[in-house]
Protein backbone atom coordinates (compact mmCIF):
# COMPACT_ATOMS: atom_id res chain seq x y z
CA MET A 1 108.34 92.07 117.77
CA ALA A 2 104.55 92.20 117.91
CA THR A 3 101.66 93.06 119.44
CA SER A 4 97.87 92.57 119.04
CA HIS A 5 97.30 94.34 115.67
CA LEU A 6 101.39 95.16 114.58
CA LEU A 7 104.79 93.35 113.79
CA MET A 8 107.73 95.44 113.30
CA PHE A 9 110.82 93.52 111.06
CA PHE A 10 114.09 95.36 111.81
CA LEU A 11 116.25 95.43 108.73
CA PRO A 12 119.70 95.17 108.35
CA ARG A 13 122.36 98.29 108.39
CA ARG A 14 124.35 97.16 106.11
CA GLY A 15 124.80 95.89 102.59
CA GLU A 16 125.10 98.11 98.84
CA GLY A 17 122.24 100.17 99.31
CA PHE A 18 123.52 101.92 103.17
CA GLN A 19 125.57 104.33 103.76
CA LYS A 20 127.81 104.06 106.88
CA ASN A 21 127.11 107.67 107.85
CA GLN A 22 123.25 107.20 107.64
CA ASN A 23 122.18 108.61 110.80
CA PHE A 24 118.60 108.73 110.48
CA SER A 25 115.77 106.62 110.84
CA ARG A 26 113.58 104.95 107.55
CA PHE A 27 110.04 103.04 108.05
CA GLY A 28 108.01 101.40 105.88
CA PHE A 29 104.50 100.74 106.45
CA VAL A 30 102.40 97.05 105.28
CA VAL A 31 98.58 96.82 105.33
CA SER A 32 97.82 94.19 103.68
CA LYS A 33 94.12 93.79 101.27
CA LYS A 34 93.29 90.83 103.42
CA HIS A 35 93.34 92.64 106.83
CA ALA A 36 91.21 96.19 104.97
CA SER A 37 89.72 95.52 102.45
CA LYS A 38 88.65 99.10 101.55
CA ILE A 39 91.99 101.38 100.67
CA VAL A 40 90.14 104.32 103.00
CA MET A 41 90.70 101.95 105.63
CA ARG A 42 94.06 100.95 104.57
CA ASN A 43 95.32 103.99 103.78
CA ARG A 44 93.92 105.49 107.92
CA ILE A 45 96.37 102.97 109.73
CA LYS A 46 99.10 103.70 107.39
CA ARG A 47 97.97 107.11 107.55
CA ILE A 48 97.90 106.90 111.51
CA LEU A 49 101.17 104.85 111.43
CA ARG A 50 103.51 107.55 109.62
CA SER A 51 102.45 110.65 112.09
CA GLU A 52 103.32 108.25 115.47
CA VAL A 53 106.33 106.95 114.16
CA LYS A 54 106.91 111.11 112.97
CA GLU A 55 106.54 112.09 116.62
CA LEU A 56 108.77 109.51 117.98
CA LEU A 57 111.75 109.44 115.90
CA LYS A 58 112.71 112.88 116.92
CA THR A 59 112.73 110.81 120.86
CA LEU A 60 115.01 107.88 119.17
CA GLU A 61 118.45 107.66 120.63
CA LYS A 62 119.92 105.27 117.73
CA PRO A 63 118.76 105.18 113.95
CA ILE A 64 116.72 102.03 112.76
CA ASP A 65 115.63 100.60 109.33
CA ALA A 66 111.69 98.77 110.60
CA VAL A 67 108.74 98.13 108.27
CA ILE A 68 105.79 97.38 110.23
CA GLN A 69 103.32 95.63 109.57
CA ALA A 70 99.35 95.24 110.42
CA LYS A 71 97.86 91.54 111.46
CA PRO A 72 94.50 91.15 111.25
CA GLY A 73 91.87 92.47 113.74
CA ILE A 74 93.35 96.52 112.86
CA ILE A 75 90.08 97.70 111.19
CA ARG A 76 88.47 97.29 114.74
CA ALA A 77 91.26 99.01 116.69
CA SER A 78 90.84 102.78 117.82
CA SER A 79 93.15 105.23 116.61
CA GLU A 80 94.75 105.27 120.27
CA ASP A 81 95.06 102.03 120.59
CA ILE A 82 97.31 102.06 116.98
CA ARG A 83 99.01 105.10 118.42
CA ASN A 84 99.62 103.24 121.74
CA GLN A 85 100.90 99.71 120.42
CA VAL A 86 103.51 101.82 117.99
CA ARG A 87 105.02 103.65 121.26
CA GLU A 88 105.58 99.66 122.66
CA LEU A 89 107.24 98.36 119.30
CA ILE A 90 109.52 101.86 119.19
CA LYS A 91 110.50 101.31 123.12
CA LYS A 92 111.68 97.83 122.81
CA ALA A 93 113.11 98.67 119.98
CA GLU A 94 115.31 101.56 121.67
CA LYS A 95 116.38 98.14 123.97
């Protein structure tokens, strides 16, 4: 799934590291040096992503394992724009 600044990849909930009674979501965040050359910007973007996902976890009906990756141009996006795109991705994921 994708928006203009973010990609979301789902991970299968099976395999060696997965426990059947695991009923919580796990998210990973990737912001490449290519897209945000300064560590300050990468950390800012990841901080925004983490805080929004933390808020949205309370509303999820089923657990999700996913990785959210930043796309080129994300450093020009406002915090609110990034938050809206995370909400959009999570809504799509629930369907």
